[in-house]
Amino acid sequence: MVFDNGFLRYCGGLDGVGRDRSENCFELSCGHDLKDLKSILKGVDVHSVEDTGLDYVIRTSIATGGSELLGHLLRRGVVVTYFPDISHSSKVVLRGK
């Protein structure tokens, strides 16, 4: 079970986290600011980009995987220092939509 401020956000096994998701979710650290990053990500099916203060959270369509997103960033010269796929992580449960 995952609770957030007293509310049940998820109940189930670890293998079920993200199973019924409607999008993929990635964390990214790089040297670009939010405005530049959004411009760089044009042409990729990105639903949202959030600046958490430590990194960015990028939400994409289910069809856009990590390889495609990372390849796009690298082809545009972005130096990526951190890039986990958190689509199946409890982080996504806690972040919500």
N, C-alpha and C. Protein backbone atom coordinates (compact mmCIF):
# COMPACT_ATOMS: atom_id res chain seq x y z
N MET A 1 0.83 -1.18 0.00
CA MET A 1 0.00 0.00 0.00
C MET A 1 0.88 1.24 0.00
N VAL A 2 0.44 2.24 -0.74
CA VAL A 2 1.13 3.53 -0.75
C VAL A 2 0.11 4.58 -0.33
N PHE A 3 0.44 5.29 0.74
CA PHE A 3 -0.40 6.37 1.23
C PHE A 3 0.29 7.70 0.96
N ASP A 4 -0.50 8.73 0.69
CA ASP A 4 0.01 10.07 0.48
C ASP A 4 -0.90 11.03 1.23
N ASN A 5 -0.37 11.65 2.28
CA ASN A 5 -1.16 12.56 3.12
C ASN A 5 -2.44 11.90 3.63
N GLY A 6 -2.33 10.64 3.98
CA GLY A 6 -3.46 9.92 4.55
C GLY A 6 -4.39 9.28 3.53
N PHE A 7 -4.15 9.51 2.25
CA PHE A 7 -5.00 8.94 1.21
C PHE A 7 -4.30 7.75 0.58
N LEU A 8 -5.06 6.69 0.39
CA LEU A 8 -4.54 5.50 -0.27
C LEU A 8 -4.36 5.79 -1.75
N ARG A 9 -3.13 5.74 -2.23
CA ARG A 9 -2.84 6.04 -3.63
C ARG A 9 -2.68 4.76 -4.45
N TYR A 10 -2.27 3.67 -3.79
CA TYR A 10 -2.08 2.40 -4.49
C TYR A 10 -2.15 1.26 -3.50
N CYS A 11 -2.80 0.19 -3.94
CA CYS A 11 -2.85 -1.02 -3.12
C CYS A 11 -2.66 -2.21 -4.06
N GLY A 12 -1.59 -2.93 -3.84
CA GLY A 12 -1.32 -4.08 -4.69
C GLY A 12 0.14 -4.47 -4.63
N GLY A 13 0.50 -5.45 -5.41
CA GLY A 13 1.88 -5.92 -5.45
C GLY A 13 2.77 -4.98 -6.26
N LEU A 14 4.07 -5.09 -6.03
CA LEU A 14 5.02 -4.25 -6.75
C LEU A 14 4.96 -4.46 -8.26
N ASP A 15 4.64 -5.67 -8.68
CA ASP A 15 4.57 -5.96 -10.10
C ASP A 15 3.39 -5.27 -10.78
N GLY A 16 2.45 -4.74 -10.01
CA GLY A 16 1.30 -4.05 -10.57
C GLY A 16 1.47 -2.56 -10.73
N VAL A 17 2.52 -2.00 -10.14
CA VAL A 17 2.73 -0.54 -10.24
C VAL A 17 2.99 -0.18 -11.69
N GLY A 18 2.18 0.69 -12.22
CA GLY A 18 2.33 1.16 -13.59
C GLY A 18 1.73 0.25 -14.65
N ARG A 19 1.17 -0.86 -14.24
CA ARG A 19 0.62 -1.80 -15.23
C ARG A 19 -0.50 -1.17 -16.04
N ASP A 20 -1.38 -0.43 -15.41
CA ASP A 20 -2.53 0.17 -16.09
C ASP A 20 -2.31 1.64 -16.43
N ARG A 21 -1.06 2.04 -16.60
CA ARG A 21 -0.75 3.45 -16.83
C ARG A 21 -1.21 3.87 -18.22
N SER A 22 -1.39 5.16 -18.38
CA SER A 22 -1.79 5.72 -19.67
C SER A 22 -0.65 6.47 -20.34
N GLU A 23 0.51 6.52 -19.68
CA GLU A 23 1.66 7.20 -20.23
C GLU A 23 2.94 6.65 -19.60
N ASN A 24 4.07 6.93 -20.22
CA ASN A 24 5.37 6.59 -19.65
C ASN A 24 5.89 7.80 -18.90
N CYS A 25 6.80 7.56 -17.96
CA CYS A 25 7.31 8.64 -17.12
C CYS A 25 8.81 8.43 -16.89
N PHE A 26 9.56 9.51 -17.13
CA PHE A 26 11.02 9.46 -17.02
C PHE A 26 11.51 10.63 -16.18
N GLU A 27 12.60 10.41 -15.46
CA GLU A 27 13.29 11.51 -14.79
C GLU A 27 14.50 11.85 -15.65
N LEU A 28 14.88 13.12 -15.65
CA LEU A 28 16.00 13.57 -16.46
C LEU A 28 16.76 14.66 -15.74
N SER A 29 18.07 14.53 -15.72
CA SER A 29 18.94 15.61 -15.29
C SER A 29 19.82 15.97 -16.47
N CYS A 30 19.93 17.27 -16.72
CA CYS A 30 20.75 17.78 -17.81
C CYS A 30 21.06 19.25 -17.51
N GLY A 31 21.83 19.87 -18.35
CA GLY A 31 22.23 21.25 -18.11
C GLY A 31 21.33 22.30 -18.73
N HIS A 32 20.16 21.91 -19.19
CA HIS A 32 19.25 22.85 -19.86
C HIS A 32 18.17 23.33 -18.90
N ASP A 33 17.69 24.55 -19.15
CA ASP A 33 16.57 25.02 -18.35
C ASP A 33 15.27 24.51 -18.98
N LEU A 34 14.17 24.71 -18.27
CA LEU A 34 12.88 24.16 -18.67
C LEU A 34 12.45 24.64 -20.05
N LYS A 35 12.61 25.92 -20.32
CA LYS A 35 12.20 26.48 -21.62
C LYS A 35 12.98 25.82 -22.75
N ASP A 36 14.31 25.72 -22.60
CA ASP A 36 15.13 25.08 -23.63
C ASP A 36 14.76 23.61 -23.81
N LEU A 37 14.54 22.92 -22.71
CA LEU A 37 14.22 21.50 -22.77
C LEU A 37 12.90 21.28 -23.51
N LYS A 38 11.90 22.10 -23.22
CA LYS A 38 10.62 21.96 -23.93
C LYS A 38 10.80 22.17 -25.42
N SER A 39 11.63 23.12 -25.80
CA SER A 39 11.91 23.37 -27.21
C SER A 39 12.63 22.19 -27.84
N ILE A 40 13.60 21.63 -27.15
CA ILE A 40 14.35 20.47 -27.63
C ILE A 40 13.44 19.27 -27.82
N LEU A 41 12.42 19.14 -26.98
CA LEU A 41 11.54 17.97 -27.02
C LEU A 41 10.43 18.07 -28.07
N LYS A 42 10.37 19.18 -28.80
CA LYS A 42 9.38 19.28 -29.88
C LYS A 42 9.65 18.17 -30.88
N GLY A 43 8.61 17.55 -31.35
CA GLY A 43 8.76 16.44 -32.28
C GLY A 43 8.68 15.08 -31.61
N VAL A 44 8.64 15.07 -30.28
CA VAL A 44 8.45 13.84 -29.52
C VAL A 44 7.09 13.95 -28.85
N ASP A 45 6.37 12.84 -28.75
CA ASP A 45 5.03 12.85 -28.15
C ASP A 45 5.15 12.99 -26.62
N VAL A 46 5.43 14.22 -26.18
CA VAL A 46 5.58 14.51 -24.76
C VAL A 46 4.29 15.14 -24.24
N HIS A 47 3.75 14.57 -23.17
CA HIS A 47 2.54 15.11 -22.56
C HIS A 47 2.85 16.28 -21.63
N SER A 48 3.95 16.16 -20.86
CA SER A 48 4.30 17.24 -19.94
C SER A 48 5.76 17.12 -19.53
N VAL A 49 6.31 18.27 -19.12
CA VAL A 49 7.66 18.34 -18.56
C VAL A 49 7.55 19.16 -17.29
N GLU A 50 7.96 18.57 -16.17
CA GLU A 50 7.87 19.23 -14.87
C GLU A 50 9.27 19.42 -14.30
N ASP A 51 9.55 20.62 -13.84
CA ASP A 51 10.81 20.91 -13.16
C ASP A 51 10.57 20.69 -11.67
N THR A 52 11.23 19.69 -11.09
CA THR A 52 11.03 19.38 -9.67
C THR A 52 11.99 20.15 -8.77
N GLY A 53 12.93 20.86 -9.39
CA GLY A 53 13.96 21.55 -8.62
C GLY A 53 15.23 20.74 -8.53
N LEU A 54 15.12 19.43 -8.66
CA LEU A 54 16.28 18.54 -8.67
C LEU A 54 16.52 17.95 -10.04
N ASP A 55 15.43 17.69 -10.75
CA ASP A 55 15.49 17.10 -12.08
C ASP A 55 14.20 17.45 -12.80
N TYR A 56 14.01 16.87 -13.96
CA TYR A 56 12.77 17.03 -14.70
C TYR A 56 12.03 15.71 -14.71
N VAL A 57 10.71 15.77 -14.71
CA VAL A 57 9.87 14.60 -14.91
C VAL A 57 9.19 14.80 -16.25
N ILE A 58 9.44 13.86 -17.16
CA ILE A 58 8.89 13.93 -18.50
C ILE A 58 7.89 12.81 -18.67
N ARG A 59 6.67 13.17 -19.05
CA ARG A 59 5.61 12.19 -19.30
C ARG A 59 5.36 12.14 -20.80
N THR A 60 5.37 10.93 -21.34
CA THR A 60 5.18 10.72 -22.77
C THR A 60 4.03 9.76 -23.02
N SER A 61 3.67 9.62 -24.28
CA SER A 61 2.68 8.61 -24.64
C SER A 61 3.26 7.22 -24.35
N ILE A 62 2.40 6.24 -24.25
CA ILE A 62 2.84 4.86 -24.06
C ILE A 62 3.73 4.43 -25.23
N ALA A 63 3.43 4.93 -26.43
CA ALA A 63 4.19 4.55 -27.62
C ALA A 63 5.61 5.11 -27.63
N THR A 64 5.89 6.13 -26.83
CA THR A 64 7.21 6.74 -26.79
C THR A 64 8.00 6.14 -25.64
N GLY A 65 8.96 5.31 -25.96
CA GLY A 65 9.77 4.64 -24.95
C GLY A 65 11.02 5.43 -24.61
N GLY A 66 11.74 4.92 -23.64
CA GLY A 66 12.95 5.57 -23.17
C GLY A 66 14.03 5.67 -24.22
N SER A 67 14.17 4.64 -25.05
CA SER A 67 15.20 4.66 -26.10
C SER A 67 14.94 5.78 -27.09
N GLU A 68 13.69 5.93 -27.48
CA GLU A 68 13.33 6.99 -28.43
C GLU A 68 13.57 8.37 -27.81
N LEU A 69 13.12 8.55 -26.58
CA LEU A 69 13.29 9.84 -25.91
C LEU A 69 14.76 10.16 -25.70
N LEU A 70 15.52 9.22 -25.19
CA LEU A 70 16.94 9.44 -24.94
C LEU A 70 17.69 9.70 -26.26
N GLY A 71 17.38 8.93 -27.29
CA GLY A 71 18.00 9.15 -28.59
C GLY A 71 17.73 10.55 -29.11
N HIS A 72 16.51 11.01 -28.97
CA HIS A 72 16.14 12.36 -29.41
C HIS A 72 16.98 13.41 -28.67
N LEU A 73 17.10 13.26 -27.36
CA LEU A 73 17.88 14.21 -26.55
C LEU A 73 19.35 14.20 -26.97
N LEU A 74 19.92 13.03 -27.14
CA LEU A 74 21.33 12.91 -27.50
C LEU A 74 21.61 13.48 -28.89
N ARG A 75 20.73 13.22 -29.84
CA ARG A 75 20.91 13.76 -31.20
C ARG A 75 20.89 15.28 -31.21
N ARG A 76 20.25 15.88 -30.22
CA ARG A 76 20.19 17.33 -30.13
C ARG A 76 21.26 17.91 -29.20
N GLY A 77 22.21 17.07 -28.84
CA GLY A 77 23.36 17.54 -28.08
C GLY A 77 23.16 17.71 -26.59
N VAL A 78 22.08 17.17 -26.06
CA VAL A 78 21.82 17.28 -24.62
C VAL A 78 22.76 16.31 -23.88
N VAL A 79 23.47 16.82 -22.90
CA VAL A 79 24.31 15.98 -22.06
C VAL A 79 23.44 15.49 -20.91
N VAL A 80 23.12 14.21 -20.95
CA VAL A 80 22.21 13.60 -19.98
C VAL A 80 23.05 12.99 -18.85
N THR A 81 22.74 13.39 -17.62
CA THR A 81 23.50 12.85 -16.48
C THR A 81 22.68 11.88 -15.64
N TYR A 82 21.36 11.81 -15.89
CA TYR A 82 20.48 10.94 -15.11
C TYR A 82 19.23 10.72 -15.94
N PHE A 83 18.82 9.45 -16.14
CA PHE A 83 17.66 9.19 -17.00
C PHE A 83 17.00 7.85 -16.67
N PRO A 84 16.38 7.71 -15.51
CA PRO A 84 15.66 6.46 -15.25
C PRO A 84 14.23 6.50 -15.78
N ASP A 85 13.75 5.34 -16.18
CA ASP A 85 12.34 5.15 -16.52
C ASP A 85 11.63 4.84 -15.21
N ILE A 86 10.75 5.73 -14.78
CA ILE A 86 10.05 5.53 -13.51
C ILE A 86 8.58 5.15 -13.73
N SER A 87 8.27 4.67 -14.92
CA SER A 87 6.89 4.31 -15.26
C SER A 87 6.31 3.24 -14.35
N HIS A 88 7.18 2.37 -13.82
CA HIS A 88 6.74 1.28 -12.94
C HIS A 88 7.24 1.50 -11.51
N SER A 89 7.45 2.74 -11.14
CA SER A 89 8.02 3.06 -9.83
C SER A 89 6.96 3.64 -8.91
N SER A 90 7.18 3.45 -7.61
CA SER A 90 6.27 4.08 -6.64
C SER A 90 6.37 5.60 -6.71
N LYS A 91 7.44 6.14 -7.29
CA LYS A 91 7.55 7.59 -7.48
C LYS A 91 6.38 8.13 -8.30
N VAL A 92 5.98 7.38 -9.31
CA VAL A 92 4.87 7.82 -10.15
C VAL A 92 3.57 7.80 -9.37
N VAL A 93 3.41 6.80 -8.52
CA VAL A 93 2.21 6.72 -7.69
C VAL A 93 2.13 7.95 -6.79
N LEU A 94 3.25 8.33 -6.20
CA LEU A 94 3.26 9.47 -5.29
C LEU A 94 3.15 10.81 -6.03
N ARG A 95 3.68 10.89 -7.22
CA ARG A 95 3.61 12.15 -7.98
C ARG A 95 2.21 12.39 -8.52
N GLY A 96 1.51 11.32 -8.81
CA GLY A 96 0.17 11.46 -9.37
C GLY A 96 0.23 12.12 -10.73
N LYS A 97 -0.85 12.71 -11.11
CA LYS A 97 -0.94 13.40 -12.40
C LYS A 97 -0.99 14.87 -12.19
